Amino acid sequence: MNNGIHISLHSMAFVRGLRVGAIMYYAKAKYAFEKLGAKEWWATYESYNGFKRWGLGMAQPSYPWPDVQHELGGAKVYYVTKEYWDLSIKDYLKQLVKTELEPASAEVAEANKELIIPDSPVV
């Protein structure tokens, strides 16, 4: 890879209908494009809902497979360019999330400095 291409690492939302997947995808893409200066954002989709909402919903083009494969598992790569992000995708995701993402307050950032992993899942 190179510094211009940023890859969406997989994340999962365990409860449907809360728009958590949209928020995570938006946050990752926004950070890549607007903070790190990405020229392209690569994604692949594990679920039908993710593919429908992001791949098809955002009309993301894809690279030819198997010539170009996602580094995690060799799946087809769907991509967004910086120009497409600015033109369309940023607003599409903002509409799904229904808000603008803001930096965490100093209090929230301080409370989350240390990652605390529970001994067992909370169900």
Protein backbone atom coordinates (compact mmCIF):
# COMPACT_ATOMS: atom_id res chain seq x y z
CA MET A 1 0.00 0.00 0.00
CA ASN A 2 0.93 3.64 0.09
CA ASN A 3 0.05 6.72 2.09
CA GLY A 4 -2.61 7.81 -0.41
CA ILE A 5 -4.75 4.68 -0.06
CA HIS A 6 -6.50 4.03 3.24
CA ILE A 7 -8.27 0.75 3.93
CA SER A 8 -11.44 0.35 5.95
CA LEU A 9 -10.71 -2.29 8.55
CA HIS A 10 -13.74 -4.30 9.47
CA SER A 11 -16.05 -3.26 12.25
CA MET A 12 -19.31 -4.81 13.34
CA ALA A 13 -22.44 -3.45 14.93
CA PHE A 14 -24.21 -6.07 17.01
CA VAL A 15 -27.56 -4.28 17.17
CA ARG A 16 -29.41 -3.38 13.99
CA GLY A 17 -31.39 -0.19 13.54
CA LEU A 18 -29.24 2.13 15.67
CA ARG A 19 -27.19 3.40 12.71
CA VAL A 20 -24.01 2.33 14.50
CA GLY A 21 -22.58 0.86 11.30
CA ALA A 22 -23.20 4.13 9.47
CA ILE A 23 -21.56 6.12 12.24
CA MET A 24 -18.48 3.87 12.32
CA TYR A 25 -18.10 3.91 8.53
CA TYR A 26 -18.55 7.70 8.39
CA ALA A 27 -16.08 8.27 11.22
CA LYS A 28 -13.40 6.08 9.65
CA ALA A 29 -13.77 7.57 6.18
CA LYS A 30 -13.94 11.14 7.45
CA TYR A 31 -10.79 10.64 9.53
CA ALA A 32 -8.95 9.11 6.57
CA PHE A 33 -9.90 11.86 4.12
CA GLU A 34 -10.02 14.95 6.29
CA LYS A 35 -7.36 14.31 8.93
CA LEU A 36 -4.89 11.95 7.24
CA GLY A 37 -5.18 13.27 3.68
CA ALA A 38 -6.22 10.03 1.95
CA LYS A 39 -6.59 10.12 -1.81
CA GLU A 40 -8.63 6.87 -1.89
CA TRP A 41 -10.66 4.86 0.62
CA TRP A 42 -10.90 1.11 0.04
CA ALA A 43 -13.66 -1.00 1.54
CA THR A 44 -15.05 -4.49 1.27
CA TYR A 45 -18.33 -5.77 2.71
CA GLU A 46 -19.01 -8.87 4.80
CA SER A 47 -22.75 -8.51 5.03
CA TYR A 48 -25.58 -7.99 2.60
CA ASN A 49 -26.74 -4.96 4.59
CA GLY A 50 -23.28 -3.35 4.44
CA PHE A 51 -22.98 -4.06 0.72
CA LYS A 52 -26.50 -2.71 0.08
CA ARG A 53 -26.08 0.42 2.23
CA TRP A 54 -22.48 1.34 1.40
CA GLY A 55 -21.41 -0.40 -1.81
CA LEU A 56 -24.64 0.07 -3.73
CA GLY A 57 -26.11 2.96 -1.71
CA MET A 58 -23.08 5.13 -2.34
CA ALA A 59 -22.61 3.78 -5.88
CA GLN A 60 -19.02 2.89 -5.11
CA PRO A 61 -17.05 1.68 -8.11
CA SER A 62 -14.86 -1.39 -7.72
CA TYR A 63 -11.52 -2.49 -9.04
CA PRO A 64 -11.37 -5.61 -11.21
CA TRP A 65 -11.14 -8.80 -9.18
CA PRO A 66 -8.88 -10.79 -8.77
CA ASP A 67 -6.37 -8.23 -10.09
CA VAL A 68 -6.94 -5.99 -7.05
CA GLN A 69 -7.95 -7.58 -3.75
CA HIS A 70 -8.57 -6.30 -0.25
CA GLU A 71 -5.59 -7.11 1.94
CA LEU A 72 -7.83 -8.81 4.52
CA GLY A 73 -9.11 -11.91 2.82
CA GLY A 74 -8.83 -11.11 -0.86
CA ALA A 75 -12.34 -9.74 -1.34
CA LYS A 76 -13.34 -7.34 -4.10
CA VAL A 77 -12.28 -3.75 -3.44
CA TYR A 78 -14.83 -0.93 -3.59
CA TYR A 79 -13.32 2.52 -3.46
CA VAL A 80 -14.10 6.19 -2.95
CA THR A 81 -11.79 8.92 -4.21
CA LYS A 82 -11.25 12.18 -2.33
CA GLU A 83 -13.13 14.01 -5.08
CA TYR A 84 -16.13 11.66 -4.81
CA TRP A 85 -16.03 11.98 -1.00
CA ASP A 86 -16.25 15.78 -1.23
CA LEU A 87 -18.83 15.75 -4.02
CA SER A 88 -21.31 13.23 -2.65
CA ILE A 89 -20.37 10.61 -0.08
CA LYS A 90 -19.70 12.94 2.84
CA ASP A 91 -23.21 14.40 2.60
CA TYR A 92 -24.83 10.98 2.02
CA LEU A 93 -23.27 9.61 5.20
CA LYS A 94 -24.09 12.76 7.18
CA GLN A 95 -27.75 12.27 6.20
CA LEU A 96 -27.66 8.65 7.42
CA VAL A 97 -25.97 9.58 10.70
CA LYS A 98 -28.27 12.63 11.10
CA THR A 99 -25.56 14.77 12.68
CA GLU A 100 -22.06 16.09 12.16
CA LEU A 101 -19.25 14.25 13.92
CA GLU A 102 -17.47 16.43 16.45
CA PRO A 103 -14.24 15.78 18.35
CA ALA A 104 -14.67 14.27 21.80
CA SER A 105 -14.58 16.64 24.75
CA ALA A 106 -11.44 16.66 26.90
CA GLU A 107 -13.37 14.83 29.64
CA VAL A 108 -14.47 12.02 27.29
CA ALA A 109 -10.99 11.74 25.76
CA GLU A 110 -9.41 11.48 29.23
CA ALA A 111 -11.92 8.84 30.37
CA ASN A 112 -11.07 6.71 27.32
CA LYS A 113 -7.28 6.93 27.35
CA GLU A 114 -6.99 3.43 28.77
CA LEU A 115 -8.71 0.59 26.92
CA ILE A 116 -10.46 -1.62 29.45
CA ILE A 117 -11.30 -5.05 28.07
CA PRO A 118 -13.89 -7.00 30.11
CA ASP A 119 -13.14 -10.55 31.21
CA SER A 120 -16.28 -11.80 29.50
CA PRO A 121 -18.86 -10.43 27.09
CA VAL A 122 -21.65 -8.32 28.52
CA VAL A 123 -24.91 -9.68 27.15
